[in-house]
Amino acid sequence: MFSPRCHFRADFSTIKSAVERLGGVAHWTMLADAAQYRETLRIEERLANDPAYQQQWEERQIRLESLSLSLPEDEGEFSC
């Protein structure tokens, strides 16, 4: 399924190392209670444990994908 929001599975140290290896300059802020991360964990847990929720989520993803396909070409593409 496709989503306008892209999610990546990489831990902080991998990202930090890659940025430093590529010569990037970044200011790192560590927040233990990142709201989007916690939200993602809740969604993943519910998807794993609630078949009805999983079905609703999949149907929503299909609707979102069909909407993005109906947008003009330059508005329908999502890059991450």
PDB file of N, CA and C in Angstrom:
ATOM      1  N   MET A   1       0.833  -1.183   0.000  1.00  0.00           N
ATOM      2  CA  MET A   1       0.000   0.000   0.000  1.00  0.00           C
ATOM      3  C   MET A   1       0.879   1.249   0.000  1.00  0.00           C
ATOM      4  N   PHE A   2       0.377   2.315  -0.524  1.00  0.00           N
ATOM      5  CA  PHE A   2       1.118   3.561  -0.621  1.00  0.00           C
ATOM      6  C   PHE A   2       0.523   4.594   0.308  1.00  0.00           C
ATOM      7  N   SER A   3       1.351   5.464   0.769  1.00  0.00           N
ATOM      8  CA  SER A   3       0.920   6.530   1.662  1.00  0.00           C
ATOM      9  C   SER A   3       1.670   7.799   1.302  1.00  0.00           C
ATOM     10  N   PRO A   4       0.999   8.952   1.430  1.00  0.00           N
ATOM     11  CA  PRO A   4       1.719  10.192   1.170  1.00  0.00           C
ATOM     12  C   PRO A   4       2.856  10.424   2.151  1.00  0.00           C
ATOM     13  N   ARG A   5       2.769   9.827   3.317  1.00  0.00           N
ATOM     14  CA  ARG A   5       3.837   9.949   4.295  1.00  0.00           C
ATOM     15  C   ARG A   5       4.722   8.716   4.183  1.00  0.00           C
ATOM     16  N   CYS A   6       6.000   8.924   4.080  1.00  0.00           N
ATOM     17  CA  CYS A   6       6.934   7.815   3.956  1.00  0.00           C
ATOM     18  C   CYS A   6       7.536   7.527   5.328  1.00  0.00           C
ATOM     19  N   HIS A   7       7.720   6.270   5.577  1.00  0.00           N
ATOM     20  CA  HIS A   7       8.303   5.861   6.850  1.00  0.00           C
ATOM     21  C   HIS A   7       9.540   5.025   6.571  1.00  0.00           C
ATOM     22  N   PHE A   8      10.565   5.247   7.335  1.00  0.00           N
ATOM     23  CA  PHE A   8      11.806   4.529   7.163  1.00  0.00           C
ATOM     24  C   PHE A   8      12.141   3.811   8.457  1.00  0.00           C
ATOM     25  N   ARG A   9      12.790   2.675   8.329  1.00  0.00           N
ATOM     26  CA  ARG A   9      13.208   1.905   9.486  1.00  0.00           C
ATOM     27  C   ARG A   9      14.737   1.974   9.581  1.00  0.00           C
ATOM     28  N   ALA A  10      15.219   2.959  10.271  1.00  0.00           N
ATOM     29  CA  ALA A  10      16.650   3.103  10.497  1.00  0.00           C
ATOM     30  C   ALA A  10      16.823   3.701  11.881  1.00  0.00           C
ATOM     31  N   ASP A  11      17.755   3.140  12.634  1.00  0.00           N
ATOM     32  CA  ASP A  11      17.963   3.685  13.964  1.00  0.00           C
ATOM     33  C   ASP A  11      18.794   4.963  13.878  1.00  0.00           C
ATOM     34  N   PHE A  12      18.780   5.694  14.964  1.00  0.00           N
ATOM     35  CA  PHE A  12      19.442   6.998  15.001  1.00  0.00           C
ATOM     36  C   PHE A  12      20.926   6.911  14.658  1.00  0.00           C
ATOM     37  N   SER A  13      21.619   5.936  15.218  1.00  0.00           N
ATOM     38  CA  SER A  13      23.066   5.858  14.990  1.00  0.00           C
ATOM     39  C   SER A  13      23.385   5.616  13.513  1.00  0.00           C
ATOM     40  N   THR A  14      22.554   4.861  12.809  1.00  0.00           N
ATOM     41  CA  THR A  14      22.763   4.621  11.377  1.00  0.00           C
ATOM     42  C   THR A  14      22.606   5.915  10.595  1.00  0.00           C
ATOM     43  N   ILE A  15      21.572   6.672  10.915  1.00  0.00           N
ATOM     44  CA  ILE A  15      21.328   7.940  10.230  1.00  0.00           C
ATOM     45  C   ILE A  15      22.451   8.932  10.519  1.00  0.00           C
ATOM     46  N   LYS A  16      22.811   9.049  11.800  1.00  0.00           N
ATOM     47  CA  LYS A  16      23.870   9.986  12.195  1.00  0.00           C
ATOM     48  C   LYS A  16      25.190   9.636  11.510  1.00  0.00           C
ATOM     49  N   SER A  17      25.526   8.356  11.477  1.00  0.00           N
ATOM     50  CA  SER A  17      26.767   7.923  10.824  1.00  0.00           C
ATOM     51  C   SER A  17      26.762   8.245   9.343  1.00  0.00           C
ATOM     52  N   ALA A  18      25.630   8.019   8.686  1.00  0.00           N
ATOM     53  CA  ALA A  18      25.532   8.293   7.252  1.00  0.00           C
ATOM     54  C   ALA A  18      25.690   9.787   6.969  1.00  0.00           C
ATOM     55  N   VAL A  19      25.051  10.613   7.764  1.00  0.00           N
ATOM     56  CA  VAL A  19      25.155  12.066   7.577  1.00  0.00           C
ATOM     57  C   VAL A  19      26.605  12.510   7.758  1.00  0.00           C
ATOM     58  N   GLU A  20      27.253  12.022   8.795  1.00  0.00           N
ATOM     59  CA  GLU A  20      28.646  12.402   9.057  1.00  0.00           C
ATOM     60  C   GLU A  20      29.576  11.876   7.973  1.00  0.00           C
ATOM     61  N   ARG A  21      29.356  10.644   7.509  1.00  0.00           N
ATOM     62  CA  ARG A  21      30.187  10.046   6.464  1.00  0.00           C
ATOM     63  C   ARG A  21      30.071  10.832   5.155  1.00  0.00           C
ATOM     64  N   LEU A  22      28.882  11.356   4.886  1.00  0.00           N
ATOM     65  CA  LEU A  22      28.664  12.121   3.656  1.00  0.00           C
ATOM     66  C   LEU A  22      29.069  13.594   3.798  1.00  0.00           C
ATOM     67  N   GLY A  23      29.586  13.951   4.969  1.00  0.00           N
ATOM     68  CA  GLY A  23      30.067  15.313   5.172  1.00  0.00           C
ATOM     69  C   GLY A  23      28.984  16.305   5.538  1.00  0.00           C
ATOM     70  N   GLY A  24      27.823  15.797   5.915  1.00  0.00           N
ATOM     71  CA  GLY A  24      26.730  16.682   6.291  1.00  0.00           C
ATOM     72  C   GLY A  24      26.956  17.301   7.656  1.00  0.00           C
ATOM     73  N   VAL A  25      26.363  18.442   7.841  1.00  0.00           N
ATOM     74  CA  VAL A  25      26.430  19.128   9.129  1.00  0.00           C
ATOM     75  C   VAL A  25      25.017  19.148   9.687  1.00  0.00           C
ATOM     76  N   ALA A  26      24.863  18.679  10.899  1.00  0.00           N
ATOM     77  CA  ALA A  26      23.520  18.604  11.483  1.00  0.00           C
ATOM     78  C   ALA A  26      23.585  18.899  12.973  1.00  0.00           C
ATOM     79  N   HIS A  27      22.505  19.428  13.483  1.00  0.00           N
ATOM     80  CA  HIS A  27      22.339  19.624  14.914  1.00  0.00           C
ATOM     81  C   HIS A  27      21.357  18.550  15.375  1.00  0.00           C
ATOM     82  N   TRP A  28      21.772  17.699  16.275  1.00  0.00           N
ATOM     83  CA  TRP A  28      20.956  16.560  16.701  1.00  0.00           C
ATOM     84  C   TRP A  28      20.234  16.897  17.994  1.00  0.00           C
ATOM     85  N   THR A  29      18.940  16.726  17.979  1.00  0.00           N
ATOM     86  CA  THR A  29      18.117  16.939  19.170  1.00  0.00           C
ATOM     87  C   THR A  29      17.480  15.611  19.535  1.00  0.00           C
ATOM     88  N   MET A  30      17.751  15.157  20.718  1.00  0.00           N
ATOM     89  CA  MET A  30      17.217  13.862  21.156  1.00  0.00           C
ATOM     90  C   MET A  30      15.977  14.102  22.023  1.00  0.00           C
ATOM     91  N   LEU A  31      14.868  13.588  21.588  1.00  0.00           N
ATOM     92  CA  LEU A  31      13.634  13.689  22.352  1.00  0.00           C
ATOM     93  C   LEU A  31      13.108  12.288  22.618  1.00  0.00           C
ATOM     94  N   ALA A  32      13.024  11.927  23.870  1.00  0.00           N
ATOM     95  CA  ALA A  32      12.573  10.592  24.225  1.00  0.00           C
ATOM     96  C   ALA A  32      11.117  10.368  23.865  1.00  0.00           C
ATOM     97  N   ASP A  33      10.326  11.413  23.871  1.00  0.00           N
ATOM     98  CA  ASP A  33       8.900  11.232  23.618  1.00  0.00           C
ATOM     99  C   ASP A  33       8.501  11.846  22.281  1.00  0.00           C
ATOM    100  N   ALA A  34       8.998  11.272  21.208  1.00  0.00           N
ATOM    101  CA  ALA A  34       8.654  11.737  19.863  1.00  0.00           C
ATOM    102  C   ALA A  34       7.235  11.267  19.538  1.00  0.00           C
ATOM    103  N   ALA A  35       6.352  12.206  19.333  1.00  0.00           N
ATOM    104  CA  ALA A  35       4.928  11.894  19.143  1.00  0.00           C
ATOM    105  C   ALA A  35       4.679  11.018  17.918  1.00  0.00           C
ATOM    106  N   GLN A  36       5.310  11.310  16.792  1.00  0.00           N
ATOM    107  CA  GLN A  36       5.068  10.517  15.589  1.00  0.00           C
ATOM    108  C   GLN A  36       5.567   9.092  15.753  1.00  0.00           C
ATOM    109  N   TYR A  37       6.696   8.916  16.436  1.00  0.00           N
ATOM    110  CA  TYR A  37       7.224   7.577  16.672  1.00  0.00           C
ATOM    111  C   TYR A  37       6.254   6.765  17.520  1.00  0.00           C
ATOM    112  N   ARG A  38       5.770   7.376  18.597  1.00  0.00           N
ATOM    113  CA  ARG A  38       4.821   6.663  19.463  1.00  0.00           C
ATOM    114  C   ARG A  38       3.537   6.343  18.704  1.00  0.00           C
ATOM    115  N   GLU A  39       3.092   7.278  17.861  1.00  0.00           N
ATOM    116  CA  GLU A  39       1.894   7.043  17.066  1.00  0.00           C
ATOM    117  C   GLU A  39       2.108   5.862  16.115  1.00  0.00           C
ATOM    118  N   THR A  40       3.267   5.808  15.481  1.00  0.00           N
ATOM    119  CA  THR A  40       3.580   4.698  14.581  1.00  0.00           C
ATOM    120  C   THR A  40       3.571   3.373  15.326  1.00  0.00           C
ATOM    121  N   LEU A  41       4.155   3.340  16.511  1.00  0.00           N
ATOM    122  CA  LEU A  41       4.150   2.107  17.307  1.00  0.00           C
ATOM    123  C   LEU A  41       2.736   1.668  17.651  1.00  0.00           C
ATOM    124  N   ARG A  42       1.879   2.617  18.026  1.00  0.00           N
ATOM    125  CA  ARG A  42       0.480   2.285  18.347  1.00  0.00           C
ATOM    126  C   ARG A  42      -0.246   1.723  17.126  1.00  0.00           C
ATOM    127  N   ILE A  43      -0.031   2.362  15.987  1.00  0.00           N
ATOM    128  CA  ILE A  43      -0.688   1.891  14.762  1.00  0.00           C
ATOM    129  C   ILE A  43      -0.201   0.490  14.411  1.00  0.00           C
ATOM    130  N   GLU A  44       1.108   0.264  14.459  1.00  0.00           N
ATOM    131  CA  GLU A  44       1.652  -1.056  14.131  1.00  0.00           C
ATOM    132  C   GLU A  44       1.130  -2.134  15.068  1.00  0.00           C
ATOM    133  N   GLU A  45       1.046  -1.809  16.350  1.00  0.00           N
ATOM    134  CA  GLU A  45       0.542  -2.787  17.310  1.00  0.00           C
ATOM    135  C   GLU A  45      -0.923  -3.109  17.027  1.00  0.00           C
ATOM    136  N   ARG A  46      -1.705  -2.080  16.752  1.00  0.00           N
ATOM    137  CA  ARG A  46      -3.123  -2.305  16.475  1.00  0.00           C
ATOM    138  C   ARG A  46      -3.309  -3.079  15.168  1.00  0.00           C
ATOM    139  N   LEU A  47      -2.513  -2.759  14.156  1.00  0.00           N
ATOM    140  CA  LEU A  47      -2.585  -3.502  12.899  1.00  0.00           C
ATOM    141  C   LEU A  47      -2.277  -4.981  13.110  1.00  0.00           C
ATOM    142  N   ALA A  48      -1.318  -5.268  13.981  1.00  0.00           N
ATOM    143  CA  ALA A  48      -0.927  -6.649  14.242  1.00  0.00           C
ATOM    144  C   ALA A  48      -1.971  -7.417  15.044  1.00  0.00           C
ATOM    145  N   ASN A  49      -2.754  -6.701  15.859  1.00  0.00           N
ATOM    146  CA  ASN A  49      -3.653  -7.373  16.792  1.00  0.00           C
ATOM    147  C   ASN A  49      -5.130  -7.198  16.513  1.00  0.00           C
ATOM    148  N   ASP A  50      -5.498  -6.403  15.539  1.00  0.00           N
ATOM    149  CA  ASP A  50      -6.909  -6.108  15.287  1.00  0.00           C
ATOM    150  C   ASP A  50      -7.211  -6.252  13.790  1.00  0.00           C
ATOM    151  N   PRO A  51      -7.707  -7.423  13.377  1.00  0.00           N
ATOM    152  CA  PRO A  51      -7.964  -7.657  11.947  1.00  0.00           C
ATOM    153  C   PRO A  51      -8.939  -6.649  11.332  1.00  0.00           C
ATOM    154  N   ALA A  52      -9.936  -6.217  12.067  1.00  0.00           N
ATOM    155  CA  ALA A  52     -10.899  -5.244  11.534  1.00  0.00           C
ATOM    156  C   ALA A  52     -10.206  -3.907  11.277  1.00  0.00           C
ATOM    157  N   TYR A  53      -9.361  -3.480  12.192  1.00  0.00           N
ATOM    158  CA  TYR A  53      -8.603  -2.245  12.009  1.00  0.00           C
ATOM    159  C   TYR A  53      -7.657  -2.374  10.820  1.00  0.00           C
ATOM    160  N   GLN A  54      -7.016  -3.534  10.690  1.00  0.00           N
ATOM    161  CA  GLN A  54      -6.111  -3.753   9.562  1.00  0.00           C
ATOM    162  C   GLN A  54      -6.872  -3.631   8.244  1.00  0.00           C
ATOM    163  N   GLN A  55      -8.064  -4.203   8.166  1.00  0.00           N
ATOM    164  CA  GLN A  55      -8.880  -4.118   6.953  1.00  0.00           C
ATOM    165  C   GLN A  55      -9.234  -2.662   6.645  1.00  0.00           C
ATOM    166  N   GLN A  56      -9.640  -1.914   7.672  1.00  0.00           N
ATOM    167  CA  GLN A  56      -9.977  -0.492   7.481  1.00  0.00           C
ATOM    168  C   GLN A  56      -8.757   0.290   7.001  1.00  0.00           C
ATOM    169  N   TRP A  57      -7.609   0.011   7.591  1.00  0.00           N
ATOM    170  CA  TRP A  57      -6.382   0.707   7.233  1.00  0.00           C
ATOM    171  C   TRP A  57      -6.019   0.427   5.774  1.00  0.00           C
ATOM    172  N   GLU A  58      -6.092  -0.840   5.371  1.00  0.00           N
ATOM    173  CA  GLU A  58      -5.774  -1.205   3.989  1.00  0.00           C
ATOM    174  C   GLU A  58      -6.732  -0.532   3.008  1.00  0.00           C
ATOM    175  N   GLU A  59      -8.022  -0.505   3.346  1.00  0.00           N
ATOM    176  CA  GLU A  59      -9.002   0.154   2.473  1.00  0.00           C
ATOM    177  C   GLU A  59      -8.710   1.650   2.354  1.00  0.00           C
ATOM    178  N   ARG A  60      -8.327   2.274   3.467  1.00  0.00           N
ATOM    179  CA  ARG A  60      -7.982   3.698   3.441  1.00  0.00           C
ATOM    180  C   ARG A  60      -6.753   3.941   2.578  1.00  0.00           C
ATOM    181  N   GLN A  61      -5.749   3.077   2.679  1.00  0.00           N
ATOM    182  CA  GLN A  61      -4.546   3.226   1.870  1.00  0.00           C
ATOM    183  C   GLN A  61      -4.877   3.122   0.378  1.00  0.00           C
ATOM    184  N   ILE A  62      -5.778   2.214   0.031  1.00  0.00           N
ATOM    185  CA  ILE A  62      -6.199   2.066  -1.366  1.00  0.00           C
ATOM    186  C   ILE A  62      -6.898   3.338  -1.840  1.00  0.00           C
ATOM    187  N   ARG A  63      -7.783   3.888  -0.996  1.00  0.00           N
ATOM    188  CA  ARG A  63      -8.468   5.139  -1.365  1.00  0.00           C
ATOM    189  C   ARG A  63      -7.470   6.277  -1.547  1.00  0.00           C
ATOM    190  N   LEU A  64      -6.517   6.389  -0.635  1.00  0.00           N
ATOM    191  CA  LEU A  64      -5.509   7.443  -0.744  1.00  0.00           C
ATOM    192  C   LEU A  64      -4.678   7.285  -2.010  1.00  0.00           C
ATOM    193  N   GLU A  65      -4.326   6.064  -2.336  1.00  0.00           N
ATOM    194  CA  GLU A  65      -3.553   5.824  -3.550  1.00  0.00           C
ATOM    195  C   GLU A  65      -4.362   6.205  -4.785  1.00  0.00           C
ATOM    196  N   SER A  66      -5.637   5.862  -4.805  1.00  0.00           N
ATOM    197  CA  SER A  66      -6.451   6.212  -5.971  1.00  0.00           C
ATOM    198  C   SER A  66      -6.608   7.732  -6.077  1.00  0.00           C
ATOM    199  N   LEU A  67      -6.676   8.422  -4.942  1.00  0.00           N
ATOM    200  CA  LEU A  67      -6.730   9.889  -4.977  1.00  0.00           C
ATOM    201  C   LEU A  67      -5.438  10.471  -5.535  1.00  0.00           C
ATOM    202  N   SER A  68      -4.303   9.940  -5.116  1.00  0.00           N
ATOM    203  CA  SER A  68      -3.028  10.476  -5.600  1.00  0.00           C
ATOM    204  C   SER A  68      -2.855  10.202  -7.088  1.00  0.00           C
ATOM    205  N   LEU A  69      -3.428   9.104  -7.578  1.00  0.00           N
ATOM    206  CA  LEU A  69      -3.333   8.799  -9.005  1.00  0.00           C
ATOM    207  C   LEU A  69      -4.207   9.727  -9.835  1.00  0.00           C
ATOM    208  N   SER A  70      -5.255  10.305  -9.217  1.00  0.00           N
ATOM    209  CA  SER A  70      -6.152  11.182  -9.954  1.00  0.00           C
ATOM    210  C   SER A  70      -5.692  12.646  -9.946  1.00  0.00           C
ATOM    211  N   LEU A  71      -4.646  12.961  -9.197  1.00  0.00           N
ATOM    212  CA  LEU A  71      -4.097  14.316  -9.168  1.00  0.00           C
ATOM    213  C   LEU A  71      -3.303  14.575 -10.441  1.00  0.00           C
ATOM    214  N   PRO A  72      -3.170  15.844 -10.812  1.00  0.00           N
ATOM    215  CA  PRO A  72      -2.275  16.155 -11.942  1.00  0.00           C
ATOM    216  C   PRO A  72      -0.892  15.574 -11.660  1.00  0.00           C
ATOM    217  N   GLU A  73      -0.174  15.260 -12.714  1.00  0.00           N
ATOM    218  CA  GLU A  73       1.076  14.523 -12.579  1.00  0.00           C
ATOM    219  C   GLU A  73       2.043  15.115 -11.568  1.00  0.00           C
ATOM    220  N   ASP A  74       2.213  16.435 -11.553  1.00  0.00           N
ATOM    221  CA  ASP A  74       3.189  17.039 -10.629  1.00  0.00           C
ATOM    222  C   ASP A  74       2.696  17.067  -9.187  1.00  0.00           C
ATOM    223  N   GLU A  75       1.399  16.887  -8.943  1.00  0.00           N
ATOM    224  CA  GLU A  75       0.873  16.880  -7.574  1.00  0.00           C
ATOM    225  C   GLU A  75       0.706  15.476  -7.032  1.00  0.00           C
ATOM    226  N   GLY A  76       0.738  14.471  -7.876  1.00  0.00           N
ATOM    227  CA  GLY A  76       0.485  13.111  -7.440  1.00  0.00           C
ATOM    228  C   GLY A  76       1.714  12.340  -7.017  1.00  0.00           C
ATOM    229  N   GLU A  77       2.869  12.937  -7.189  1.00  0.00           N
ATOM    230  CA  GLU A  77       4.094  12.229  -6.853  1.00  0.00           C
ATOM    231  C   GLU A  77       4.551  12.649  -5.464  1.00  0.00           C
ATOM    232  N   PHE A  78       4.986  11.665  -4.704  1.00  0.00           N
ATOM    233  CA  PHE A  78       5.499  11.911  -3.362  1.00  0.00           C
ATOM    234  C   PHE A  78       6.934  11.462  -3.346  1.00  0.00           C
ATOM    235  N   SER A  79       7.807  12.276  -2.860  1.00  0.00           N
ATOM    236  CA  SER A  79       9.193  11.855  -2.741  1.00  0.00           C
ATOM    237  C   SER A  79       9.573  11.891  -1.282  1.00  0.00           C
ATOM    238  N   CYS A  80      10.427  10.983  -0.938  1.00  0.00           N
ATOM    239  CA  CYS A  80      10.882  10.878   0.441  1.00  0.00           C
ATOM    240  C   CYS A  80      12.375  11.067   0.488  1.00  0.00           C
TER     241      CYS A  80
END
